[in-house]
């Protein structure tokens, strides 16, 4: 059985939620979740730490990163993948009515990826 990398799991979640691959926000979210997985105990400020780090990696600005992530989330909600989002993140988020903020989306994707990695690790042993 092949073990999926963290990035493969994040990509699967982004696809299931309905965030289109052709928008910059998709790639910024992928990078954001990847970075958050590397800093599991850290409290990270989006605007002062995470966005600038992503911006530097992609040679853009922090405000462009923030705006592109917000746009990607809006596109997903307009496309109507809300049932999949509810299934992925759980009904407690009330995603059918309230789309998540950038920070909420990053946190939800990070925690779901961590859970998937943990589940895979416990089934491998």
C-alpha atoms as a PDB file:
ATOM      1  CA  UNK A   1       0.000   0.000   0.000  1.00  0.00           C
ATOM      2  CA  UNK A   2       1.393   3.411  -1.004  1.00  0.00           C
ATOM      3  CA  UNK A   3       1.520   6.111   1.647  1.00  0.00           C
ATOM      4  CA  UNK A   4       0.285   9.476   0.387  1.00  0.00           C
ATOM      5  CA  UNK A   5       2.397  12.522   1.086  1.00  0.00           C
ATOM      6  CA  UNK A   6       0.935  15.416   3.061  1.00  0.00           C
ATOM      7  CA  UNK A   7       0.763  17.504  -0.130  1.00  0.00           C
ATOM      8  CA  UNK A   8      -1.254  14.780  -1.872  1.00  0.00           C
ATOM      9  CA  UNK A   9      -3.723  14.777   1.008  1.00  0.00           C
ATOM     10  CA  UNK A  10      -4.018  18.575   0.927  1.00  0.00           C
ATOM     11  CA  UNK A  11      -4.560  18.531  -2.852  1.00  0.00           C
ATOM     12  CA  UNK A  12      -7.300  15.916  -2.421  1.00  0.00           C
ATOM     13  CA  UNK A  13      -9.052  18.091   0.180  1.00  0.00           C
ATOM     14  CA  UNK A  14      -8.781  21.232  -1.959  1.00  0.00           C
ATOM     15  CA  UNK A  15     -10.240  19.345  -4.913  1.00  0.00           C
ATOM     16  CA  UNK A  16     -13.086  17.867  -2.840  1.00  0.00           C
ATOM     17  CA  UNK A  17     -14.005  21.274  -1.408  1.00  0.00           C
ATOM     18  CA  UNK A  18     -14.097  22.637  -4.946  1.00  0.00           C
ATOM     19  CA  UNK A  19     -11.211  25.080  -4.960  1.00  0.00           C
ATOM     20  CA  UNK A  20     -10.110  25.276  -8.591  1.00  0.00           C
ATOM     21  CA  UNK A  21      -6.497  24.457  -9.337  1.00  0.00           C
ATOM     22  CA  UNK A  22      -6.076  27.280 -11.849  1.00  0.00           C
ATOM     23  CA  UNK A  23      -6.397  30.116  -9.294  1.00  0.00           C
ATOM     24  CA  UNK A  24      -3.458  31.431  -7.292  1.00  0.00           C
ATOM     25  CA  UNK A  25      -5.346  30.932  -4.029  1.00  0.00           C
ATOM     26  CA  UNK A  26      -5.275  27.174  -4.574  1.00  0.00           C
ATOM     27  CA  UNK A  27      -1.470  27.157  -4.574  1.00  0.00           C
ATOM     28  CA  UNK A  28      -1.299  29.594  -1.668  1.00  0.00           C
ATOM     29  CA  UNK A  29      -3.654  27.410   0.397  1.00  0.00           C
ATOM     30  CA  UNK A  30      -1.568  24.351  -0.418  1.00  0.00           C
ATOM     31  CA  UNK A  31       1.551  26.164   0.778  1.00  0.00           C
ATOM     32  CA  UNK A  32      -0.219  27.573   3.864  1.00  0.00           C
ATOM     33  CA  UNK A  33      -1.402  24.152   5.030  1.00  0.00           C
ATOM     34  CA  UNK A  34       1.991  22.643   4.300  1.00  0.00           C
ATOM     35  CA  UNK A  35       3.672  25.322   6.438  1.00  0.00           C
ATOM     36  CA  UNK A  36       1.124  24.915   9.234  1.00  0.00           C
ATOM     37  CA  UNK A  37       1.830  21.172   9.318  1.00  0.00           C
ATOM     38  CA  UNK A  38       5.491  21.965   9.914  1.00  0.00           C
ATOM     39  CA  UNK A  39       4.579  24.227  12.862  1.00  0.00           C
ATOM     40  CA  UNK A  40       2.028  22.125  14.754  1.00  0.00           C
ATOM     41  CA  UNK A  41       2.332  23.818  18.142  1.00  0.00           C
ATOM     42  CA  UNK A  42       2.975  27.352  16.963  1.00  0.00           C
ATOM     43  CA  UNK A  43       0.469  30.140  17.055  1.00  0.00           C
ATOM     44  CA  UNK A  44       0.953  31.755  13.681  1.00  0.00           C
ATOM     45  CA  UNK A  45      -0.269  35.190  12.714  1.00  0.00           C
ATOM     46  CA  UNK A  46      -1.697  35.046   9.219  1.00  0.00           C
ATOM     47  CA  UNK A  47      -1.022  38.636   8.241  1.00  0.00           C
ATOM     48  CA  UNK A  48       2.330  39.022  10.004  1.00  0.00           C
ATOM     49  CA  UNK A  49       3.911  35.603   9.502  1.00  0.00           C
ATOM     50  CA  UNK A  50       2.112  33.191   7.198  1.00  0.00           C
ATOM     51  CA  UNK A  51       1.085  35.475   4.307  1.00  0.00           C
ATOM     52  CA  UNK A  52       4.541  37.125   4.088  1.00  0.00           C
ATOM     53  CA  UNK A  53       6.218  33.705   4.032  1.00  0.00           C
ATOM     54  CA  UNK A  54       3.943  32.496   1.227  1.00  0.00           C
ATOM     55  CA  UNK A  55       4.362  35.805  -0.616  1.00  0.00           C
ATOM     56  CA  UNK A  56       8.132  35.486  -0.486  1.00  0.00           C
ATOM     57  CA  UNK A  57       7.965  31.912  -1.795  1.00  0.00           C
ATOM     58  CA  UNK A  58       5.764  32.936  -4.741  1.00  0.00           C
ATOM     59  CA  UNK A  59       7.396  36.347  -5.331  1.00  0.00           C
ATOM     60  CA  UNK A  60       4.251  38.349  -4.652  1.00  0.00           C
ATOM     61  CA  UNK A  61       2.771  40.483  -1.879  1.00  0.00           C
ATOM     62  CA  UNK A  62       1.077  39.498   1.380  1.00  0.00           C
ATOM     63  CA  UNK A  63      -2.082  41.333   0.373  1.00  0.00           C
ATOM     64  CA  UNK A  64      -2.186  39.400  -2.907  1.00  0.00           C
ATOM     65  CA  UNK A  65      -1.890  36.120  -0.997  1.00  0.00           C
ATOM     66  CA  UNK A  66      -4.721  37.092   1.373  1.00  0.00           C
ATOM     67  CA  UNK A  67      -6.976  38.282  -1.454  1.00  0.00           C
ATOM     68  CA  UNK A  68      -6.279  35.219  -3.628  1.00  0.00           C
ATOM     69  CA  UNK A  69      -7.076  32.789  -0.817  1.00  0.00           C
ATOM     70  CA  UNK A  70     -10.324  34.643  -0.114  1.00  0.00           C
ATOM     71  CA  UNK A  71     -11.169  34.519  -3.835  1.00  0.00           C
ATOM     72  CA  UNK A  72     -10.492  30.754  -3.975  1.00  0.00           C
ATOM     73  CA  UNK A  73     -12.812  30.151  -1.013  1.00  0.00           C
ATOM     74  CA  UNK A  74     -15.504  32.317  -2.629  1.00  0.00           C
ATOM     75  CA  UNK A  75     -15.203  30.339  -5.875  1.00  0.00           C
ATOM     76  CA  UNK A  76     -15.616  27.053  -4.004  1.00  0.00           C
ATOM     77  CA  UNK A  77     -18.765  28.299  -2.287  1.00  0.00           C
ATOM     78  CA  UNK A  78     -20.193  29.646  -5.551  1.00  0.00           C
ATOM     79  CA  UNK A  79     -19.573  26.293  -7.238  1.00  0.00           C
ATOM     80  CA  UNK A  80     -21.744  24.596  -4.626  1.00  0.00           C
ATOM     81  CA  UNK A  81     -19.450  21.887  -3.260  1.00  0.00           C
ATOM     82  CA  UNK A  82     -21.005  22.496   0.153  1.00  0.00           C
ATOM     83  CA  UNK A  83     -22.117  18.924   0.746  1.00  0.00           C
ATOM     84  CA  UNK A  84     -18.559  17.716   0.230  1.00  0.00           C
ATOM     85  CA  UNK A  85     -17.261  20.463   2.514  1.00  0.00           C
ATOM     86  CA  UNK A  86     -19.730  19.463   5.225  1.00  0.00           C
ATOM     87  CA  UNK A  87     -18.592  15.857   4.907  1.00  0.00           C
ATOM     88  CA  UNK A  88     -14.938  16.788   5.088  1.00  0.00           C
ATOM     89  CA  UNK A  89     -15.056  19.319   7.889  1.00  0.00           C
ATOM     90  CA  UNK A  90     -18.102  18.190   9.810  1.00  0.00           C
ATOM     91  CA  UNK A  91     -21.498  19.743  10.168  1.00  0.00           C
ATOM     92  CA  UNK A  92     -20.530  21.751  13.234  1.00  0.00           C
ATOM     93  CA  UNK A  93     -18.966  24.368  10.967  1.00  0.00           C
ATOM     94  CA  UNK A  94     -22.351  25.236   9.381  1.00  0.00           C
ATOM     95  CA  UNK A  95     -20.571  25.566   6.045  1.00  0.00           C
ATOM     96  CA  UNK A  96     -23.753  25.460   4.018  1.00  0.00           C
ATOM     97  CA  UNK A  97     -24.586  28.988   5.131  1.00  0.00           C
ATOM     98  CA  UNK A  98     -21.354  30.599   6.296  1.00  0.00           C
ATOM     99  CA  UNK A  99     -18.243  30.239   4.220  1.00  0.00           C
ATOM    100  CA  UNK A 100     -15.101  30.057   6.336  1.00  0.00           C
ATOM    101  CA  UNK A 101     -12.663  32.907   6.673  1.00  0.00           C
ATOM    102  CA  UNK A 102      -9.142  32.426   5.351  1.00  0.00           C
ATOM    103  CA  UNK A 103      -7.909  31.509   8.817  1.00  0.00           C
ATOM    104  CA  UNK A 104     -10.750  29.073   9.402  1.00  0.00           C
ATOM    105  CA  UNK A 105     -10.178  27.393   6.041  1.00  0.00           C
ATOM    106  CA  UNK A 106      -6.444  27.043   6.661  1.00  0.00           C
ATOM    107  CA  UNK A 107      -7.083  25.655  10.161  1.00  0.00           C
ATOM    108  CA  UNK A 108      -9.766  23.231   8.929  1.00  0.00           C
ATOM    109  CA  UNK A 109      -7.595  21.954   6.077  1.00  0.00           C
ATOM    110  CA  UNK A 110      -4.574  21.629   8.385  1.00  0.00           C
ATOM    111  CA  UNK A 111      -6.442  19.677  11.050  1.00  0.00           C
ATOM    112  CA  UNK A 112      -8.142  17.423   8.506  1.00  0.00           C
ATOM    113  CA  UNK A 113      -4.766  16.689   6.893  1.00  0.00           C
ATOM    114  CA  UNK A 114      -3.259  15.920  10.309  1.00  0.00           C
ATOM    115  CA  UNK A 115      -6.130  13.539  11.065  1.00  0.00           C
ATOM    116  CA  UNK A 116      -5.697  11.807   7.702  1.00  0.00           C
ATOM    117  CA  UNK A 117      -1.959  11.416   8.324  1.00  0.00           C
ATOM    118  CA  UNK A 118      -2.575  10.086  11.842  1.00  0.00           C
ATOM    119  CA  UNK A 119      -5.184   7.616  10.601  1.00  0.00           C
ATOM    120  CA  UNK A 120      -2.822   6.404   7.891  1.00  0.00           C
ATOM    121  CA  UNK A 121       0.055   6.036  10.358  1.00  0.00           C
ATOM    122  CA  UNK A 122      -2.040   4.027  12.832  1.00  0.00           C
ATOM    123  CA  UNK A 123      -3.255   1.706  10.086  1.00  0.00           C
ATOM    124  CA  UNK A 124       0.281   1.152   8.799  1.00  0.00           C
ATOM    125  CA  UNK A 125       1.579  -0.130  12.166  1.00  0.00           C
END
